[in-house]
Amino acid sequence: MIRSQKFWIAVCAVIFAVSVIACVIILTRPHGSKVIIKQDGRVVMTLDLDRESDRTVEFVYEGRKNVLEIKNGGVRMLSADCPDHVCVHTGWLRSGIPIVCLPNKLTVEFADSEEDAVAR
């Protein structure tokens, strides 16, 4: 391999690595502290994570229960009475990735993610 080919391969590798790091930073940075919780399409609760104390909140839908944990300025689904537990395995709420429990029709997302979706 000639020197110029090695140089361009190295340049491309550096550009790729920087792009991956930028994507991770953009996708994991918090978008704000306002969180909207909807059940069956209706807003049931709005939270300001900067002002919330550590606690758990229960949501019941047709006899099934979801338990939301608010802790250290973050929010996650602690437990759920649904068959697949995708909402629980989603982990802590991150920007761009809402917590969704389809069987219980519950969504948890940052408030500004709705504005982003409308703007697009």
N, C-alpha and C. Protein backbone atom coordinates (compact mmCIF):
# COMPACT_ATOMS: atom_id res chain seq x y z
N MET A 1 0.84 -1.18 0.00
CA MET A 1 0.00 0.00 0.00
C MET A 1 0.89 1.24 0.00
N ILE A 2 0.55 2.18 -0.79
CA ILE A 2 1.35 3.39 -0.86
C ILE A 2 1.01 4.33 0.30
N ARG A 3 1.95 5.24 0.54
CA ARG A 3 1.78 6.17 1.65
C ARG A 3 0.52 7.01 1.54
N SER A 4 0.18 7.48 0.38
CA SER A 4 -1.00 8.34 0.22
C SER A 4 -2.29 7.57 0.53
N GLN A 5 -2.32 6.28 0.19
CA GLN A 5 -3.51 5.48 0.53
C GLN A 5 -3.65 5.33 2.03
N LYS A 6 -2.54 5.08 2.71
CA LYS A 6 -2.57 4.96 4.18
C LYS A 6 -3.03 6.28 4.81
N PHE A 7 -2.56 7.37 4.27
CA PHE A 7 -2.95 8.68 4.78
C PHE A 7 -4.46 8.88 4.66
N TRP A 8 -5.03 8.60 3.50
CA TRP A 8 -6.46 8.81 3.29
C TRP A 8 -7.30 7.84 4.10
N ILE A 9 -6.83 6.62 4.30
CA ILE A 9 -7.54 5.67 5.17
C ILE A 9 -7.55 6.20 6.59
N ALA A 10 -6.43 6.74 7.06
CA ALA A 10 -6.36 7.31 8.41
C ALA A 10 -7.28 8.51 8.55
N VAL A 11 -7.32 9.38 7.53
CA VAL A 11 -8.20 10.55 7.57
C VAL A 11 -9.66 10.11 7.64
N CYS A 12 -10.03 9.14 6.83
CA CYS A 12 -11.42 8.64 6.84
C CYS A 12 -11.76 8.01 8.19
N ALA A 13 -10.83 7.27 8.78
CA ALA A 13 -11.07 6.65 10.09
C ALA A 13 -11.29 7.70 11.16
N VAL A 14 -10.50 8.78 11.12
CA VAL A 14 -10.65 9.85 12.10
C VAL A 14 -12.00 10.56 11.92
N ILE A 15 -12.37 10.83 10.69
CA ILE A 15 -13.66 11.48 10.43
C ILE A 15 -14.81 10.59 10.91
N PHE A 16 -14.72 9.29 10.65
CA PHE A 16 -15.75 8.36 11.10
C PHE A 16 -15.84 8.35 12.63
N ALA A 17 -14.70 8.27 13.31
CA ALA A 17 -14.69 8.24 14.78
C ALA A 17 -15.29 9.51 15.36
N VAL A 18 -14.94 10.66 14.82
CA VAL A 18 -15.48 11.93 15.30
C VAL A 18 -16.99 11.98 15.07
N SER A 19 -17.44 11.47 13.93
CA SER A 19 -18.89 11.46 13.64
C SER A 19 -19.64 10.59 14.63
N VAL A 20 -19.11 9.42 14.94
CA VAL A 20 -19.76 8.53 15.90
C VAL A 20 -19.82 9.18 17.28
N ILE A 21 -18.74 9.78 17.71
CA ILE A 21 -18.72 10.44 19.02
C ILE A 21 -19.72 11.60 19.06
N ALA A 22 -19.80 12.38 17.99
CA ALA A 22 -20.76 13.48 17.94
C ALA A 22 -22.19 12.98 18.01
N CYS A 23 -22.49 11.90 17.31
CA CYS A 23 -23.84 11.32 17.35
C CYS A 23 -24.20 10.86 18.75
N VAL A 24 -23.27 10.20 19.42
CA VAL A 24 -23.53 9.72 20.78
C VAL A 24 -23.79 10.90 21.71
N ILE A 25 -23.00 11.95 21.60
CA ILE A 25 -23.18 13.12 22.45
C ILE A 25 -24.52 13.78 22.19
N ILE A 26 -24.88 13.94 20.93
CA ILE A 26 -26.14 14.59 20.58
C ILE A 26 -27.33 13.77 21.06
N LEU A 27 -27.28 12.45 20.91
CA LEU A 27 -28.42 11.61 21.27
C LEU A 27 -28.55 11.40 22.76
N THR A 28 -27.47 11.56 23.52
CA THR A 28 -27.56 11.30 24.96
C THR A 28 -27.65 12.56 25.80
N ARG A 29 -27.47 13.72 25.18
CA ARG A 29 -27.56 14.95 25.98
C ARG A 29 -29.01 15.21 26.36
N PRO A 30 -29.24 15.70 27.56
CA PRO A 30 -30.60 16.01 27.96
C PRO A 30 -31.16 17.18 27.15
N HIS A 31 -32.44 17.10 26.80
CA HIS A 31 -33.08 18.14 26.01
C HIS A 31 -33.82 19.14 26.88
N GLY A 32 -33.76 18.98 28.14
CA GLY A 32 -34.47 19.87 29.04
C GLY A 32 -34.93 19.08 30.24
N SER A 33 -35.69 19.71 31.06
CA SER A 33 -36.11 19.05 32.28
C SER A 33 -37.62 18.80 32.31
N LYS A 34 -38.34 19.26 31.32
CA LYS A 34 -39.79 19.06 31.28
C LYS A 34 -40.12 17.72 30.63
N VAL A 35 -40.93 16.92 31.31
CA VAL A 35 -41.32 15.60 30.83
C VAL A 35 -42.84 15.53 30.77
N ILE A 36 -43.35 14.99 29.67
CA ILE A 36 -44.80 14.81 29.52
C ILE A 36 -45.11 13.32 29.58
N ILE A 37 -46.11 12.98 30.38
CA ILE A 37 -46.56 11.59 30.48
C ILE A 37 -47.98 11.54 29.95
N LYS A 38 -48.17 10.69 28.93
CA LYS A 38 -49.49 10.55 28.31
C LYS A 38 -49.98 9.12 28.47
N GLN A 39 -51.28 9.00 28.68
CA GLN A 39 -51.90 7.68 28.71
C GLN A 39 -53.14 7.74 27.82
N ASP A 40 -53.17 6.84 26.87
CA ASP A 40 -54.26 6.76 25.90
C ASP A 40 -54.43 8.08 25.14
N GLY A 41 -53.28 8.73 24.85
CA GLY A 41 -53.30 9.96 24.06
C GLY A 41 -53.55 11.24 24.83
N ARG A 42 -53.86 11.14 26.12
CA ARG A 42 -54.14 12.33 26.93
C ARG A 42 -52.98 12.58 27.89
N VAL A 43 -52.64 13.84 28.08
CA VAL A 43 -51.59 14.19 29.04
C VAL A 43 -52.15 13.97 30.44
N VAL A 44 -51.48 13.09 31.20
CA VAL A 44 -51.93 12.82 32.57
C VAL A 44 -51.03 13.48 33.61
N MET A 45 -49.78 13.84 33.17
CA MET A 45 -48.88 14.46 34.12
C MET A 45 -47.77 15.16 33.36
N THR A 46 -47.36 16.31 33.89
CA THR A 46 -46.19 17.02 33.38
C THR A 46 -45.23 17.19 34.54
N LEU A 47 -43.97 16.86 34.31
CA LEU A 47 -42.97 16.94 35.37
C LEU A 47 -41.87 17.91 34.99
N ASP A 48 -41.34 18.60 35.98
CA ASP A 48 -40.12 19.38 35.82
C ASP A 48 -39.06 18.66 36.65
N LEU A 49 -38.19 17.91 35.98
CA LEU A 49 -37.23 17.07 36.68
C LEU A 49 -36.27 17.86 37.55
N ASP A 50 -36.08 19.14 37.25
CA ASP A 50 -35.21 19.98 38.09
C ASP A 50 -35.83 20.24 39.45
N ARG A 51 -37.16 20.14 39.55
CA ARG A 51 -37.85 20.47 40.79
C ARG A 51 -38.46 19.25 41.49
N GLU A 52 -38.47 18.12 40.82
CA GLU A 52 -39.11 16.92 41.39
C GLU A 52 -38.21 16.28 42.45
N SER A 53 -38.85 15.81 43.51
CA SER A 53 -38.12 15.04 44.52
C SER A 53 -38.16 13.56 44.11
N ASP A 54 -37.27 12.78 44.67
CA ASP A 54 -37.23 11.35 44.35
C ASP A 54 -38.52 10.70 44.85
N ARG A 55 -39.20 10.00 43.92
CA ARG A 55 -40.45 9.33 44.28
C ARG A 55 -40.84 8.35 43.18
N THR A 56 -41.89 7.58 43.45
CA THR A 56 -42.46 6.71 42.42
C THR A 56 -43.92 7.12 42.20
N VAL A 57 -44.38 6.94 40.96
CA VAL A 57 -45.75 7.29 40.60
C VAL A 57 -46.36 6.08 39.90
N GLU A 58 -47.60 5.73 40.28
CA GLU A 58 -48.28 4.59 39.67
C GLU A 58 -49.33 5.07 38.68
N PHE A 59 -49.42 4.38 37.55
CA PHE A 59 -50.44 4.63 36.54
C PHE A 59 -51.17 3.32 36.31
N VAL A 60 -52.51 3.37 36.36
CA VAL A 60 -53.31 2.16 36.17
C VAL A 60 -54.14 2.32 34.90
N TYR A 61 -54.13 1.27 34.08
CA TYR A 61 -54.91 1.26 32.83
C TYR A 61 -55.54 -0.10 32.67
N GLU A 62 -56.85 -0.15 32.71
CA GLU A 62 -57.62 -1.39 32.57
C GLU A 62 -57.10 -2.48 33.50
N GLY A 63 -56.83 -2.10 34.75
CA GLY A 63 -56.40 -3.06 35.76
C GLY A 63 -54.91 -3.36 35.75
N ARG A 64 -54.17 -2.87 34.77
CA ARG A 64 -52.72 -3.10 34.70
C ARG A 64 -52.00 -1.85 35.21
N LYS A 65 -50.85 -2.07 35.85
CA LYS A 65 -50.17 -0.97 36.53
C LYS A 65 -48.76 -0.76 35.97
N ASN A 66 -48.38 0.50 35.84
CA ASN A 66 -47.01 0.91 35.54
C ASN A 66 -46.51 1.73 36.72
N VAL A 67 -45.26 1.52 37.10
CA VAL A 67 -44.66 2.29 38.18
C VAL A 67 -43.49 3.07 37.59
N LEU A 68 -43.58 4.39 37.66
CA LEU A 68 -42.57 5.29 37.13
C LEU A 68 -41.69 5.77 38.29
N GLU A 69 -40.38 5.71 38.12
CA GLU A 69 -39.46 6.17 39.15
C GLU A 69 -38.83 7.49 38.74
N ILE A 70 -38.88 8.46 39.64
CA ILE A 70 -38.23 9.75 39.45
C ILE A 70 -37.11 9.81 40.48
N LYS A 71 -35.87 9.92 39.98
CA LYS A 71 -34.74 9.86 40.90
C LYS A 71 -33.56 10.63 40.33
N ASN A 72 -32.96 11.48 41.14
CA ASN A 72 -31.76 12.24 40.76
C ASN A 72 -31.92 12.98 39.43
N GLY A 73 -33.08 13.56 39.19
CA GLY A 73 -33.30 14.33 37.97
C GLY A 73 -33.53 13.48 36.73
N GLY A 74 -33.78 12.21 36.91
CA GLY A 74 -34.06 11.31 35.79
C GLY A 74 -35.37 10.59 36.01
N VAL A 75 -35.84 9.92 34.98
CA VAL A 75 -37.11 9.19 35.08
C VAL A 75 -36.99 7.89 34.29
N ARG A 76 -37.55 6.81 34.84
CA ARG A 76 -37.56 5.52 34.17
C ARG A 76 -38.78 4.73 34.60
N MET A 77 -39.12 3.71 33.82
CA MET A 77 -40.21 2.82 34.18
C MET A 77 -39.62 1.74 35.08
N LEU A 78 -40.03 1.74 36.33
CA LEU A 78 -39.49 0.80 37.30
C LEU A 78 -40.09 -0.59 37.13
N SER A 79 -41.41 -0.65 36.93
CA SER A 79 -42.07 -1.94 36.71
C SER A 79 -43.35 -1.72 35.91
N ALA A 80 -43.83 -2.82 35.32
CA ALA A 80 -45.05 -2.73 34.50
C ALA A 80 -45.74 -4.08 34.46
N ASP A 81 -47.08 -4.05 34.43
CA ASP A 81 -47.89 -5.26 34.29
C ASP A 81 -48.22 -5.49 32.82
N CYS A 82 -47.19 -5.57 32.00
CA CYS A 82 -47.40 -5.85 30.58
C CYS A 82 -46.57 -7.08 30.22
N PRO A 83 -46.93 -7.76 29.15
CA PRO A 83 -46.26 -9.03 28.85
C PRO A 83 -44.80 -8.90 28.41
N ASP A 84 -44.41 -7.82 27.73
CA ASP A 84 -43.07 -7.78 27.15
C ASP A 84 -42.05 -6.95 27.93
N HIS A 85 -42.47 -6.04 28.77
CA HIS A 85 -41.62 -5.18 29.60
C HIS A 85 -40.62 -4.35 28.79
N VAL A 86 -40.96 -4.01 27.56
CA VAL A 86 -40.08 -3.16 26.75
C VAL A 86 -39.87 -1.82 27.44
N CYS A 87 -40.91 -1.29 28.03
CA CYS A 87 -40.81 0.01 28.69
C CYS A 87 -39.82 -0.03 29.86
N VAL A 88 -39.79 -1.12 30.58
CA VAL A 88 -38.87 -1.26 31.70
C VAL A 88 -37.44 -1.39 31.18
N HIS A 89 -37.26 -2.15 30.11
CA HIS A 89 -35.91 -2.37 29.55
C HIS A 89 -35.38 -1.14 28.80
N THR A 90 -36.23 -0.16 28.53
CA THR A 90 -35.76 1.07 27.87
C THR A 90 -34.79 1.82 28.76
N GLY A 91 -34.96 1.71 30.06
CA GLY A 91 -34.05 2.37 31.00
C GLY A 91 -34.45 3.81 31.25
N TRP A 92 -33.48 4.61 31.62
CA TRP A 92 -33.71 6.03 31.93
C TRP A 92 -34.06 6.79 30.67
N LEU A 93 -34.95 7.74 30.80
CA LEU A 93 -35.39 8.56 29.67
C LEU A 93 -34.21 9.34 29.12
N ARG A 94 -34.00 9.23 27.80
CA ARG A 94 -32.93 9.96 27.10
C ARG A 94 -33.58 10.74 25.98
N SER A 95 -32.89 11.75 25.52
CA SER A 95 -33.44 12.57 24.45
C SER A 95 -33.58 11.75 23.19
N GLY A 96 -34.69 11.93 22.52
CA GLY A 96 -34.92 11.23 21.25
C GLY A 96 -35.46 9.83 21.40
N ILE A 97 -35.43 9.28 22.60
CA ILE A 97 -35.90 7.91 22.82
C ILE A 97 -36.96 7.93 23.93
N PRO A 98 -38.24 7.97 23.58
CA PRO A 98 -39.28 7.99 24.62
C PRO A 98 -39.43 6.62 25.27
N ILE A 99 -40.01 6.60 26.43
CA ILE A 99 -40.38 5.34 27.08
C ILE A 99 -41.83 5.08 26.68
N VAL A 100 -42.09 3.90 26.11
CA VAL A 100 -43.42 3.59 25.59
C VAL A 100 -43.86 2.23 26.10
N CYS A 101 -45.06 2.16 26.66
CA CYS A 101 -45.68 0.90 27.04
C CYS A 101 -46.95 0.77 26.19
N LEU A 102 -46.85 0.04 25.09
CA LEU A 102 -47.99 -0.07 24.18
C LEU A 102 -49.20 -0.76 24.80
N PRO A 103 -49.05 -1.88 25.53
CA PRO A 103 -50.24 -2.52 26.09
C PRO A 103 -51.02 -1.63 27.05
N ASN A 104 -50.29 -0.78 27.79
CA ASN A 104 -50.94 0.11 28.75
C ASN A 104 -51.11 1.53 28.22
N LYS A 105 -50.78 1.73 26.94
CA LYS A 105 -50.96 3.01 26.24
C LYS A 105 -50.36 4.19 27.00
N LEU A 106 -49.13 4.00 27.48
CA LEU A 106 -48.45 5.01 28.28
C LEU A 106 -47.16 5.43 27.58
N THR A 107 -46.94 6.74 27.46
CA THR A 107 -45.69 7.26 26.89
C THR A 107 -45.10 8.30 27.83
N VAL A 108 -43.77 8.30 27.90
CA VAL A 108 -43.04 9.26 28.70
C VAL A 108 -41.98 9.86 27.78
N GLU A 109 -42.00 11.19 27.61
CA GLU A 109 -41.03 11.83 26.71
C GLU A 109 -40.75 13.24 27.17
N PHE A 110 -39.59 13.75 26.71
CA PHE A 110 -39.28 15.14 27.01
C PHE A 110 -40.27 16.04 26.30
N ALA A 111 -40.64 17.14 26.93
CA ALA A 111 -41.65 18.04 26.38
C ALA A 111 -41.21 18.64 25.06
N ASP A 112 -39.94 18.97 24.91
CA ASP A 112 -39.51 19.60 23.67
C ASP A 112 -39.41 18.63 22.51
N SER A 113 -39.51 17.31 22.76
CA SER A 113 -39.48 16.35 21.65
C SER A 113 -40.72 16.47 20.79
N GLU A 114 -41.83 16.89 21.39
CA GLU A 114 -43.06 17.12 20.61
C GLU A 114 -42.88 18.31 19.69
N GLU A 115 -42.26 19.37 20.21
CA GLU A 115 -42.03 20.56 19.38
C GLU A 115 -41.10 20.22 18.22
N ASP A 116 -40.07 19.40 18.48
CA ASP A 116 -39.16 18.98 17.41
C ASP A 116 -39.89 18.21 16.33
N ALA A 117 -40.81 17.33 16.75
CA ALA A 117 -41.54 16.51 15.79
C ALA A 117 -42.45 17.37 14.92
N VAL A 118 -43.07 18.40 15.50
CA VAL A 118 -43.94 19.29 14.74
C VAL A 118 -43.11 20.13 13.77
N ALA A 119 -41.94 20.57 14.21
CA ALA A 119 -41.10 21.40 13.38
C ALA A 119 -40.58 20.65 12.16
N ARG A 120 -40.36 19.36 12.31
CA ARG A 120 -39.86 18.56 11.20
C ARG A 120 -40.98 18.34 10.24
